[in-house]
């Protein structure tokens, strides 16, 4: 699976969560896939959620790493 598919699955599993964190190793791939660059605070908005870089070795999660 690619980064966008992983984020889509996480969004579908917890639709009420306002934020989502993704691992640093797939963060550039995800931003490229959705054709967005992170804003000043390092987040992108995708599917009405704030998506952020969760750091190395984290999982795609709706809980803060």
Protein backbone atom coordinates (compact mmCIF):
# COMPACT_ATOMS: atom_id res chain seq x y z
CA UNK A 1 0.00 0.00 0.00
CA UNK A 2 1.11 3.52 -0.59
CA UNK A 3 1.02 6.37 1.93
CA UNK A 4 -2.28 7.82 0.71
CA UNK A 5 -4.05 4.47 1.03
CA UNK A 6 -2.78 4.06 4.60
CA UNK A 7 -4.06 7.52 5.53
CA UNK A 8 -7.42 6.84 3.86
CA UNK A 9 -7.81 3.64 5.90
CA UNK A 10 -6.96 5.47 9.12
CA UNK A 11 -9.48 8.22 8.28
CA UNK A 12 -12.19 5.62 7.62
CA UNK A 13 -11.45 3.71 10.83
CA UNK A 14 -11.85 6.79 13.05
CA UNK A 15 -13.98 9.35 11.16
CA UNK A 16 -14.53 11.58 14.21
CA UNK A 17 -10.84 12.10 15.00
CA UNK A 18 -9.74 15.65 14.15
CA UNK A 19 -6.03 14.84 13.67
CA UNK A 20 -3.88 12.13 12.19
CA UNK A 21 -0.15 11.51 12.51
CA UNK A 22 1.90 9.67 9.89
CA UNK A 23 5.48 8.38 10.12
CA UNK A 24 8.29 10.59 8.87
CA UNK A 25 9.39 8.04 6.30
CA UNK A 26 6.07 8.22 4.39
CA UNK A 27 5.34 11.92 5.06
CA UNK A 28 6.98 13.24 1.84
CA UNK A 29 5.30 10.50 -0.22
CA UNK A 30 1.90 11.38 1.27
CA UNK A 31 2.31 15.12 0.62
CA UNK A 32 3.35 14.39 -2.96
CA UNK A 33 0.37 12.05 -3.48
CA UNK A 34 -2.16 14.68 -2.37
CA UNK A 35 -0.24 17.51 -4.09
CA UNK A 36 0.04 19.68 -1.01
CA UNK A 37 2.90 21.13 0.97
CA UNK A 38 2.83 21.46 4.76
CA UNK A 39 1.80 24.85 6.10
CA UNK A 40 3.83 26.95 8.55
CA UNK A 41 3.12 24.60 11.47
CA UNK A 42 3.94 21.52 9.38
CA UNK A 43 0.43 20.21 8.75
CA UNK A 44 -1.76 19.55 5.74
CA UNK A 45 -5.53 19.35 5.58
CA UNK A 46 -6.87 16.19 3.95
CA UNK A 47 -10.43 14.86 4.17
CA UNK A 48 -11.27 17.54 6.78
CA UNK A 49 -8.50 16.34 9.08
CA UNK A 50 -5.24 17.88 10.15
CA UNK A 51 -2.47 15.53 9.07
CA UNK A 52 0.98 15.90 10.66
CA UNK A 53 4.38 14.28 10.65
CA UNK A 54 4.44 11.98 13.67
CA UNK A 55 8.17 11.45 13.73
CA UNK A 56 10.26 8.39 13.01
CA UNK A 57 9.01 4.89 13.78
CA UNK A 58 5.42 5.88 14.60
CA UNK A 59 2.32 4.27 13.14
CA UNK A 60 -0.38 6.01 11.13
CA UNK A 61 -2.55 6.92 14.09
CA UNK A 62 -5.25 9.27 15.32
CA UNK A 63 -3.61 9.40 18.75
CA UNK A 64 -0.69 11.66 19.40
CA UNK A 65 2.58 9.72 19.19
